[in-house]
Amino acid sequence: MGIFTNSFSFVMGIGCGIFVAQNYNVPNMKKLLKEWSSEAKHVEESYRKPKKDDK
């Protein structure tokens, strides 16, 4: 009985996801995550402590 319940939930989730993606303006997650990653990298580099020179 458990496999049917899990399968039904999975199929319903896929169906709802497809419906939402077709009928609403859903952002491109790959592009969004890439932009956030580059912004986080920029913030990290600008607030990083300077490296010590061991001479």
C-alpha atoms as a PDB file:
ATOM      1  CA  MET A   1       0.000   0.000   0.000  1.00  0.00           C
ATOM      2  CA  GLY A   2       2.900   2.383   0.715  1.00  0.00           C
ATOM      3  CA  ILE A   3       4.288   2.310  -2.821  1.00  0.00           C
ATOM      4  CA  PHE A   4       0.922   3.362  -4.282  1.00  0.00           C
ATOM      5  CA  THR A   5       0.598   6.269  -1.843  1.00  0.00           C
ATOM      6  CA  ASN A   6       4.120   7.497  -2.579  1.00  0.00           C
ATOM      7  CA  SER A   7       3.666   7.067  -6.320  1.00  0.00           C
ATOM      8  CA  PHE A   8       0.370   8.954  -6.260  1.00  0.00           C
ATOM      9  CA  SER A   9       1.930  11.871  -4.355  1.00  0.00           C
ATOM     10  CA  PHE A  10       4.888  11.945  -6.747  1.00  0.00           C
ATOM     11  CA  VAL A  11       2.686  11.917  -9.857  1.00  0.00           C
ATOM     12  CA  MET A  12       0.396  14.614  -8.439  1.00  0.00           C
ATOM     13  CA  GLY A  13       3.439  16.766  -7.622  1.00  0.00           C
ATOM     14  CA  ILE A  14       4.751  16.424 -11.159  1.00  0.00           C
ATOM     15  CA  GLY A  15       1.323  17.262 -12.587  1.00  0.00           C
ATOM     16  CA  CYS A  16       0.955  20.357 -10.410  1.00  0.00           C
ATOM     17  CA  GLY A  17       4.492  21.456 -11.271  1.00  0.00           C
ATOM     18  CA  ILE A  18       3.815  21.161 -14.997  1.00  0.00           C
ATOM     19  CA  PHE A  19       0.549  23.092 -14.635  1.00  0.00           C
ATOM     20  CA  VAL A  20       2.217  25.923 -12.693  1.00  0.00           C
ATOM     21  CA  ALA A  21       5.166  26.120 -15.123  1.00  0.00           C
ATOM     22  CA  GLN A  22       2.839  26.414 -18.116  1.00  0.00           C
ATOM     23  CA  ASN A  23       0.355  28.902 -16.670  1.00  0.00           C
ATOM     24  CA  TYR A  24       2.470  31.214 -14.514  1.00  0.00           C
ATOM     25  CA  ASN A  25       5.670  33.192 -14.965  1.00  0.00           C
ATOM     26  CA  VAL A  26       8.104  30.873 -13.150  1.00  0.00           C
ATOM     27  CA  PRO A  27      11.731  32.096 -13.109  1.00  0.00           C
ATOM     28  CA  ASN A  28      14.519  30.038 -14.642  1.00  0.00           C
ATOM     29  CA  MET A  29      16.087  28.496 -11.514  1.00  0.00           C
ATOM     30  CA  LYS A  30      19.380  27.611 -13.196  1.00  0.00           C
ATOM     31  CA  LYS A  31      19.929  31.233 -14.246  1.00  0.00           C
ATOM     32  CA  LEU A  32      18.739  32.557 -10.877  1.00  0.00           C
ATOM     33  CA  LEU A  33      21.096  30.301  -8.892  1.00  0.00           C
ATOM     34  CA  LYS A  34      24.003  31.237 -11.159  1.00  0.00           C
ATOM     35  CA  GLU A  35      23.338  34.954 -10.545  1.00  0.00           C
ATOM     36  CA  TRP A  36      23.073  34.427  -6.766  1.00  0.00           C
ATOM     37  CA  SER A  37      26.300  32.414  -6.782  1.00  0.00           C
ATOM     38  CA  SER A  38      28.220  35.126  -8.623  1.00  0.00           C
ATOM     39  CA  GLU A  39      26.794  37.799  -6.287  1.00  0.00           C
ATOM     40  CA  ALA A  40      27.812  35.762  -3.207  1.00  0.00           C
ATOM     41  CA  LYS A  41      31.308  35.308  -4.650  1.00  0.00           C
ATOM     42  CA  HIS A  42      31.588  39.051  -5.241  1.00  0.00           C
ATOM     43  CA  VAL A  43      30.475  39.835  -1.664  1.00  0.00           C
ATOM     44  CA  GLU A  44      32.898  37.277  -0.236  1.00  0.00           C
ATOM     45  CA  GLU A  45      35.817  38.706  -2.202  1.00  0.00           C
ATOM     46  CA  SER A  46      35.030  42.295  -1.231  1.00  0.00           C
ATOM     47  CA  TYR A  47      34.756  41.560   2.523  1.00  0.00           C
ATOM     48  CA  ARG A  48      37.591  39.019   2.803  1.00  0.00           C
ATOM     49  CA  LYS A  49      40.465  39.795   5.156  1.00  0.00           C
ATOM     50  CA  PRO A  50      43.709  40.671   3.390  1.00  0.00           C
ATOM     51  CA  LYS A  51      46.281  37.870   3.160  1.00  0.00           C
ATOM     52  CA  LYS A  52      49.449  38.130   5.259  1.00  0.00           C
ATOM     53  CA  ASP A  53      52.734  38.197   3.381  1.00  0.00           C
ATOM     54  CA  ASP A  54      55.261  35.869   5.023  1.00  0.00           C
ATOM     55  CA  LYS A  55      58.605  37.270   3.849  1.00  0.00           C
END
